[in-house]
PDB file of N, CA and C in Angstrom:
ATOM      1  N   UNK A   1      48.723 -37.277 -10.394  1.00  0.00           N
ATOM      2  CA  UNK A   1      48.772 -38.010 -11.603  1.00  0.00           C
ATOM      3  C   UNK A   1      49.222 -37.015 -12.691  1.00  0.00           C
ATOM      4  N   UNK A   2      50.092 -37.139 -13.492  1.00  0.00           N
ATOM      5  CA  UNK A   2      50.423 -36.169 -14.522  1.00  0.00           C
ATOM      6  C   UNK A   2      49.358 -36.881 -15.774  1.00  0.00           C
ATOM      7  N   UNK A   3      49.232 -35.587 -16.648  1.00  0.00           N
ATOM      8  CA  UNK A   3      48.189 -35.886 -17.611  1.00  0.00           C
ATOM      9  C   UNK A   3      48.824 -37.048 -18.878  1.00  0.00           C
ATOM     10  N   UNK A   4      49.937 -37.180 -18.987  1.00  0.00           N
ATOM     11  CA  UNK A   4      50.319 -38.547 -19.554  1.00  0.00           C
ATOM     12  C   UNK A   4      50.095 -39.663 -19.236  1.00  0.00           C
ATOM     13  N   UNK A   5      50.274 -39.577 -17.820  1.00  0.00           N
ATOM     14  CA  UNK A   5      49.912 -41.305 -16.829  1.00  0.00           C
ATOM     15  C   UNK A   5      48.355 -41.284 -17.160  1.00  0.00           C
ATOM     16  N   UNK A   6      48.030 -40.156 -16.843  1.00  0.00           N
ATOM     17  CA  UNK A   6      46.431 -40.404 -16.892  1.00  0.00           C
ATOM     18  C   UNK A   6      45.580 -40.966 -18.313  1.00  0.00           C
ATOM     19  N   UNK A   7      46.046 -39.976 -19.157  1.00  0.00           N
ATOM     20  CA  UNK A   7      46.004 -40.980 -20.916  1.00  0.00           C
ATOM     21  C   UNK A   7      46.297 -42.646 -20.959  1.00  0.00           C
ATOM     22  N   UNK A   8      47.720 -42.793 -20.369  1.00  0.00           N
ATOM     23  CA  UNK A   8      47.859 -44.005 -20.696  1.00  0.00           C
ATOM     24  C   UNK A   8      46.933 -45.000 -19.368  1.00  0.00           C
ATOM     25  N   UNK A   9      46.611 -44.392 -18.651  1.00  0.00           N
ATOM     26  CA  UNK A   9      45.467 -45.554 -17.763  1.00  0.00           C
ATOM     27  C   UNK A   9      44.442 -45.694 -18.791  1.00  0.00           C
ATOM     28  N   UNK A  10      43.546 -44.507 -19.059  1.00  0.00           N
ATOM     29  CA  UNK A  10      42.644 -44.625 -19.801  1.00  0.00           C
ATOM     30  C   UNK A  10      42.904 -45.730 -21.332  1.00  0.00           C
ATOM     31  N   UNK A  11      43.578 -45.349 -21.701  1.00  0.00           N
ATOM     32  CA  UNK A  11      43.941 -46.096 -23.138  1.00  0.00           C
ATOM     33  C   UNK A  11      44.272 -47.711 -22.628  1.00  0.00           C
ATOM     34  N   UNK A  12      44.669 -47.869 -21.691  1.00  0.00           N
ATOM     35  CA  UNK A  12      45.012 -49.258 -20.960  1.00  0.00           C
ATOM     36  C   UNK A  12      43.462 -49.835 -20.821  1.00  0.00           C
ATOM     37  N   UNK A  13      42.711 -49.108 -20.196  1.00  0.00           N
ATOM     38  CA  UNK A  13      41.126 -49.272 -19.585  1.00  0.00           C
ATOM     39  C   UNK A  13      40.533 -49.796 -20.825  1.00  0.00           C
ATOM     40  N   UNK A  14      40.425 -48.755 -21.771  1.00  0.00           N
ATOM     41  CA  UNK A  14      40.013 -48.682 -23.019  1.00  0.00           C
ATOM     42  C   UNK A  14      39.868 -49.965 -23.810  1.00  0.00           C
ATOM     43  N   UNK A  15      41.667 -50.045 -24.166  1.00  0.00           N
ATOM     44  CA  UNK A  15      42.134 -51.670 -24.659  1.00  0.00           C
ATOM     45  C   UNK A  15      41.176 -52.525 -24.190  1.00  0.00           C
ATOM     46  N   UNK A  16      41.440 -52.928 -22.688  1.00  0.00           N
ATOM     47  CA  UNK A  16      40.625 -54.085 -21.798  1.00  0.00           C
ATOM     48  C   UNK A  16      39.149 -54.007 -22.611  1.00  0.00           C
ATOM     49  N   UNK A  17      38.307 -52.936 -22.337  1.00  0.00           N
ATOM     50  CA  UNK A  17      36.960 -52.579 -22.627  1.00  0.00           C
ATOM     51  C   UNK A  17      36.585 -53.535 -24.086  1.00  0.00           C
ATOM     52  N   UNK A  18      37.768 -52.632 -25.102  1.00  0.00           N
ATOM     53  CA  UNK A  18      37.418 -53.248 -26.516  1.00  0.00           C
ATOM     54  C   UNK A  18      37.694 -54.492 -26.738  1.00  0.00           C
ATOM     55  N   UNK A  19      38.909 -55.217 -25.907  1.00  0.00           N
ATOM     56  CA  UNK A  19      39.211 -56.830 -26.295  1.00  0.00           C
ATOM     57  C   UNK A  19      37.948 -57.460 -25.441  1.00  0.00           C
ATOM     58  N   UNK A  20      37.296 -56.867 -24.604  1.00  0.00           N
ATOM     59  CA  UNK A  20      36.063 -57.687 -23.945  1.00  0.00           C
ATOM     60  C   UNK A  20      34.804 -57.778 -25.075  1.00  0.00           C
ATOM     61  N   UNK A  21      34.686 -56.350 -25.374  1.00  0.00           N
ATOM     62  CA  UNK A  21      33.614 -56.517 -26.256  1.00  0.00           C
ATOM     63  C   UNK A  21      33.634 -57.238 -27.358  1.00  0.00           C
ATOM     64  N   UNK A  22      35.321 -57.229 -27.975  1.00  0.00           N
ATOM     65  CA  UNK A  22      35.544 -58.408 -28.993  1.00  0.00           C
ATOM     66  C   UNK A  22      35.329 -60.017 -28.921  1.00  0.00           C
ATOM     67  N   UNK A  23      35.188 -60.228 -27.756  1.00  0.00           N
ATOM     68  CA  UNK A  23      34.750 -61.763 -27.364  1.00  0.00           C
ATOM     69  C   UNK A  23      33.427 -61.985 -27.478  1.00  0.00           C
ATOM     70  N   UNK A  24      32.519 -61.124 -28.219  1.00  0.00           N
ATOM     71  CA  UNK A  24      31.441 -61.726 -27.917  1.00  0.00           C
ATOM     72  C   UNK A  24      31.563 -62.929 -29.067  1.00  0.00           C
ATOM     73  N   UNK A  25      30.550 -63.836 -28.592  1.00  0.00           N
ATOM     74  CA  UNK A  25      30.677 -64.901 -29.679  1.00  0.00           C
ATOM     75  C   UNK A  25      29.700 -64.811 -30.545  1.00  0.00           C
ATOM     76  N   UNK A  26      29.838 -65.401 -31.966  1.00  0.00           N
ATOM     77  CA  UNK A  26      28.928 -65.870 -32.636  1.00  0.00           C
ATOM     78  C   UNK A  26      28.596 -64.010 -33.187  1.00  0.00           C
ATOM     79  N   UNK A  27      27.272 -64.063 -33.285  1.00  0.00           N
ATOM     80  CA  UNK A  27      26.717 -62.408 -33.996  1.00  0.00           C
ATOM     81  C   UNK A  27      26.617 -61.519 -32.605  1.00  0.00           C
ATOM     82  N   UNK A  28      27.351 -60.490 -32.672  1.00  0.00           N
ATOM     83  CA  UNK A  28      26.856 -59.658 -31.247  1.00  0.00           C
ATOM     84  C   UNK A  28      25.553 -59.036 -31.588  1.00  0.00           C
ATOM     85  N   UNK A  29      24.935 -58.821 -30.771  1.00  0.00           N
ATOM     86  CA  UNK A  29      23.885 -57.868 -30.511  1.00  0.00           C
ATOM     87  C   UNK A  29      24.011 -56.394 -31.011  1.00  0.00           C
ATOM     88  N   UNK A  30      22.959 -56.070 -31.276  1.00  0.00           N
ATOM     89  CA  UNK A  30      22.956 -54.610 -31.708  1.00  0.00           C
ATOM     90  C   UNK A  30      23.492 -53.685 -30.556  1.00  0.00           C
ATOM     91  N   UNK A  31      23.467 -53.733 -29.741  1.00  0.00           N
ATOM     92  CA  UNK A  31      23.667 -53.144 -27.878  1.00  0.00           C
ATOM     93  C   UNK A  31      25.524 -53.189 -27.968  1.00  0.00           C
ATOM     94  N   UNK A  32      25.974 -54.711 -28.689  1.00  0.00           N
ATOM     95  CA  UNK A  32      27.261 -54.615 -28.204  1.00  0.00           C
ATOM     96  C   UNK A  32      27.804 -54.244 -29.386  1.00  0.00           C
ATOM     97  N   UNK A  33      27.586 -53.987 -30.503  1.00  0.00           N
ATOM     98  CA  UNK A  33      27.852 -53.603 -31.459  1.00  0.00           C
ATOM     99  C   UNK A  33      27.897 -52.083 -31.405  1.00  0.00           C
ATOM    100  N   UNK A  34      26.976 -51.514 -31.011  1.00  0.00           N
ATOM    101  CA  UNK A  34      26.998 -49.950 -30.440  1.00  0.00           C
ATOM    102  C   UNK A  34      28.218 -49.588 -29.784  1.00  0.00           C
ATOM    103  N   UNK A  35      28.210 -50.657 -28.656  1.00  0.00           N
ATOM    104  CA  UNK A  35      29.462 -50.361 -27.668  1.00  0.00           C
ATOM    105  C   UNK A  35      30.771 -50.090 -28.408  1.00  0.00           C
ATOM    106  N   UNK A  36      30.574 -51.291 -29.159  1.00  0.00           N
ATOM    107  CA  UNK A  36      32.179 -51.573 -29.954  1.00  0.00           C
ATOM    108  C   UNK A  36      32.717 -50.641 -30.698  1.00  0.00           C
ATOM    109  N   UNK A  37      31.249 -49.736 -31.248  1.00  0.00           N
ATOM    110  CA  UNK A  37      31.677 -48.675 -32.178  1.00  0.00           C
ATOM    111  C   UNK A  37      31.870 -47.286 -31.269  1.00  0.00           C
ATOM    112  N   UNK A  38      31.715 -47.306 -30.010  1.00  0.00           N
ATOM    113  CA  UNK A  38      31.564 -46.106 -29.044  1.00  0.00           C
ATOM    114  C   UNK A  38      32.989 -46.228 -28.587  1.00  0.00           C
ATOM    115  N   UNK A  39      33.465 -47.269 -27.951  1.00  0.00           N
ATOM    116  CA  UNK A  39      34.603 -47.532 -27.649  1.00  0.00           C
ATOM    117  C   UNK A  39      35.571 -47.100 -28.595  1.00  0.00           C
ATOM    118  N   UNK A  40      35.633 -47.307 -29.771  1.00  0.00           N
ATOM    119  CA  UNK A  40      36.628 -47.453 -30.563  1.00  0.00           C
ATOM    120  C   UNK A  40      36.808 -45.962 -31.018  1.00  0.00           C
ATOM    121  N   UNK A  41      35.452 -45.388 -31.263  1.00  0.00           N
ATOM    122  CA  UNK A  41      35.627 -43.833 -31.438  1.00  0.00           C
ATOM    123  C   UNK A  41      36.312 -42.760 -29.964  1.00  0.00           C
ATOM    124  N   UNK A  42      36.274 -43.509 -29.060  1.00  0.00           N
ATOM    125  CA  UNK A  42      36.576 -42.860 -27.667  1.00  0.00           C
ATOM    126  C   UNK A  42      38.348 -43.016 -27.820  1.00  0.00           C
ATOM    127  N   UNK A  43      38.580 -44.138 -28.432  1.00  0.00           N
ATOM    128  CA  UNK A  43      40.097 -44.881 -28.234  1.00  0.00           C
ATOM    129  C   UNK A  43      40.237 -43.953 -29.633  1.00  0.00           C
ATOM    130  N   UNK A  44      40.071 -43.418 -30.611  1.00  0.00           N
ATOM    131  CA  UNK A  44      40.609 -42.582 -31.549  1.00  0.00           C
ATOM    132  C   UNK A  44      40.660 -41.068 -30.851  1.00  0.00           C
ATOM    133  N   UNK A  45      40.070 -40.530 -30.432  1.00  0.00           N
ATOM    134  CA  UNK A  45      39.929 -39.307 -29.532  1.00  0.00           C
ATOM    135  C   UNK A  45      40.669 -39.464 -28.370  1.00  0.00           C
ATOM    136  N   UNK A  46      40.902 -40.256 -27.614  1.00  0.00           N
ATOM    137  CA  UNK A  46      42.187 -40.560 -26.578  1.00  0.00           C
ATOM    138  C   UNK A  46      43.568 -40.558 -27.330  1.00  0.00           C
ATOM    139  N   UNK A  47      43.555 -41.206 -28.224  1.00  0.00           N
ATOM    140  CA  UNK A  47      45.102 -41.016 -29.040  1.00  0.00           C
ATOM    141  C   UNK A  47      45.212 -39.512 -29.439  1.00  0.00           C
ATOM    142  N   UNK A  48      44.210 -38.926 -29.934  1.00  0.00           N
ATOM    143  CA  UNK A  48      44.207 -37.532 -30.352  1.00  0.00           C
ATOM    144  C   UNK A  48      44.784 -36.809 -29.539  1.00  0.00           C
ATOM    145  N   UNK A  49      44.195 -36.493 -28.417  1.00  0.00           N
ATOM    146  CA  UNK A  49      44.248 -36.019 -27.132  1.00  0.00           C
ATOM    147  C   UNK A  49      45.862 -36.299 -27.006  1.00  0.00           C
ATOM    148  N   UNK A  50      46.444 -37.555 -26.495  1.00  0.00           N
ATOM    149  CA  UNK A  50      47.681 -37.996 -26.529  1.00  0.00           C
ATOM    150  C   UNK A  50      48.590 -37.102 -27.297  1.00  0.00           C
ATOM    151  N   UNK A  51      48.570 -37.362 -28.507  1.00  0.00           N
ATOM    152  CA  UNK A  51      49.225 -36.467 -29.697  1.00  0.00           C
ATOM    153  C   UNK A  51      49.286 -35.033 -29.329  1.00  0.00           C
ATOM    154  N   UNK A  52      48.199 -34.458 -29.100  1.00  0.00           N
ATOM    155  CA  UNK A  52      47.922 -33.249 -28.715  1.00  0.00           C
ATOM    156  C   UNK A  52      49.033 -32.530 -27.757  1.00  0.00           C
ATOM    157  N   UNK A  53      48.932 -33.919 -26.449  1.00  0.00           N
ATOM    158  CA  UNK A  53      49.471 -33.238 -25.357  1.00  0.00           C
ATOM    159  C   UNK A  53      51.097 -33.548 -25.591  1.00  0.00           C
ATOM    160  N   UNK A  54      51.629 -34.238 -26.546  1.00  0.00           N
ATOM    161  CA  UNK A  54      52.714 -34.275 -26.929  1.00  0.00           C
ATOM    162  C   UNK A  54      53.591 -33.256 -27.715  1.00  0.00           C
ATOM    163  N   UNK A  55      52.472 -32.705 -28.334  1.00  0.00           N
ATOM    164  CA  UNK A  55      52.980 -31.303 -29.181  1.00  0.00           C
ATOM    165  C   UNK A  55      53.212 -31.836 -30.458  1.00  0.00           C
ATOM    166  N   UNK A  56      52.875 -32.723 -31.167  1.00  0.00           N
ATOM    167  CA  UNK A  56      53.317 -33.365 -31.964  1.00  0.00           C
ATOM    168  C   UNK A  56      52.245 -32.583 -33.384  1.00  0.00           C
ATOM    169  N   UNK A  57      52.461 -32.079 -34.098  1.00  0.00           N
ATOM    170  CA  UNK A  57      52.039 -31.178 -35.111  1.00  0.00           C
ATOM    171  C   UNK A  57      50.898 -32.282 -36.189  1.00  0.00           C
ATOM    172  N   UNK A  58      49.713 -31.707 -36.504  1.00  0.00           N
ATOM    173  CA  UNK A  58      48.828 -32.747 -36.920  1.00  0.00           C
ATOM    174  C   UNK A  58      49.295 -33.794 -38.381  1.00  0.00           C
ATOM    175  N   UNK A  59      50.066 -32.435 -39.150  1.00  0.00           N
ATOM    176  CA  UNK A  59      50.568 -33.243 -40.003  1.00  0.00           C
ATOM    177  C   UNK A  59      51.568 -34.261 -40.060  1.00  0.00           C
ATOM    178  N   UNK A  60      51.972 -34.563 -38.640  1.00  0.00           N
ATOM    179  CA  UNK A  60      53.092 -35.580 -38.660  1.00  0.00           C
ATOM    180  C   UNK A  60      52.387 -36.594 -37.451  1.00  0.00           C
ATOM    181  N   UNK A  61      51.448 -36.575 -37.415  1.00  0.00           N
ATOM    182  CA  UNK A  61      50.586 -37.618 -36.294  1.00  0.00           C
ATOM    183  C   UNK A  61      50.371 -39.031 -36.857  1.00  0.00           C
ATOM    184  N   UNK A  62      50.321 -39.151 -38.395  1.00  0.00           N
ATOM    185  CA  UNK A  62      50.360 -40.111 -38.786  1.00  0.00           C
ATOM    186  C   UNK A  62      51.521 -41.428 -38.588  1.00  0.00           C
ATOM    187  N   UNK A  63      52.272 -40.546 -38.655  1.00  0.00           N
ATOM    188  CA  UNK A  63      53.648 -41.764 -38.037  1.00  0.00           C
ATOM    189  C   UNK A  63      53.589 -42.067 -36.686  1.00  0.00           C
ATOM    190  N   UNK A  64      52.746 -41.419 -35.952  1.00  0.00           N
ATOM    191  CA  UNK A  64      52.813 -42.095 -34.494  1.00  0.00           C
ATOM    192  C   UNK A  64      51.503 -42.967 -34.135  1.00  0.00           C
ATOM    193  N   UNK A  65      50.533 -42.660 -35.321  1.00  0.00           N
ATOM    194  CA  UNK A  65      48.997 -43.368 -34.995  1.00  0.00           C
ATOM    195  C   UNK A  65      49.307 -45.018 -34.608  1.00  0.00           C
ATOM    196  N   UNK A  66      48.786 -45.804 -33.831  1.00  0.00           N
ATOM    197  CA  UNK A  66      48.636 -47.124 -33.699  1.00  0.00           C
ATOM    198  C   UNK A  66      47.098 -47.594 -34.446  1.00  0.00           C
ATOM    199  N   UNK A  67      47.440 -48.839 -35.292  1.00  0.00           N
ATOM    200  CA  UNK A  67      46.460 -49.432 -35.481  1.00  0.00           C
ATOM    201  C   UNK A  67      45.325 -49.998 -34.810  1.00  0.00           C
ATOM    202  N   UNK A  68      44.207 -49.533 -34.815  1.00  0.00           N
ATOM    203  CA  UNK A  68      43.144 -50.111 -34.183  1.00  0.00           C
ATOM    204  C   UNK A  68      42.143 -51.046 -34.326  1.00  0.00           C
ATOM    205  N   UNK A  69      42.168 -52.219 -34.652  1.00  0.00           N
ATOM    206  CA  UNK A  69      41.278 -53.292 -35.510  1.00  0.00           C
ATOM    207  C   UNK A  69      39.819 -52.836 -35.103  1.00  0.00           C
ATOM    208  N   UNK A  70      39.689 -52.317 -33.830  1.00  0.00           N
ATOM    209  CA  UNK A  70      37.809 -52.326 -33.378  1.00  0.00           C
ATOM    210  C   UNK A  70      37.667 -50.845 -34.216  1.00  0.00           C
ATOM    211  N   UNK A  71      38.478 -49.991 -34.440  1.00  0.00           N
ATOM    212  CA  UNK A  71      38.205 -48.561 -35.134  1.00  0.00           C
ATOM    213  C   UNK A  71      38.060 -48.924 -36.646  1.00  0.00           C
ATOM    214  N   UNK A  72      39.027 -49.663 -37.333  1.00  0.00           N
ATOM    215  CA  UNK A  72      38.543 -49.785 -38.759  1.00  0.00           C
ATOM    216  C   UNK A  72      37.691 -50.549 -39.249  1.00  0.00           C
ATOM    217  N   UNK A  73      37.103 -51.428 -38.348  1.00  0.00           N
ATOM    218  CA  UNK A  73      35.739 -52.361 -38.539  1.00  0.00           C
ATOM    219  C   UNK A  73      34.613 -51.296 -38.724  1.00  0.00           C
ATOM    220  N   UNK A  74      34.639 -50.331 -38.057  1.00  0.00           N
ATOM    221  CA  UNK A  74      33.221 -49.527 -37.995  1.00  0.00           C
ATOM    222  C   UNK A  74      33.612 -48.169 -39.174  1.00  0.00           C
TER     223      UNK A  74
END
């Protein structure tokens, strides 16, 4: 499996996890909030890795970043 495909697969799994964690009804517990924070940080790191793999210079990466509502909430 190529690196880009692995990154895409991991990103999809992480998106599923974030969506599941986001479904916590009412007031999520401290453990759920911590899991959401960790998942958001992992998503950001994974996106950085993907942009590095594509050889996109750091100064241009802002154009390619996706908005992650879970990350901005933390």
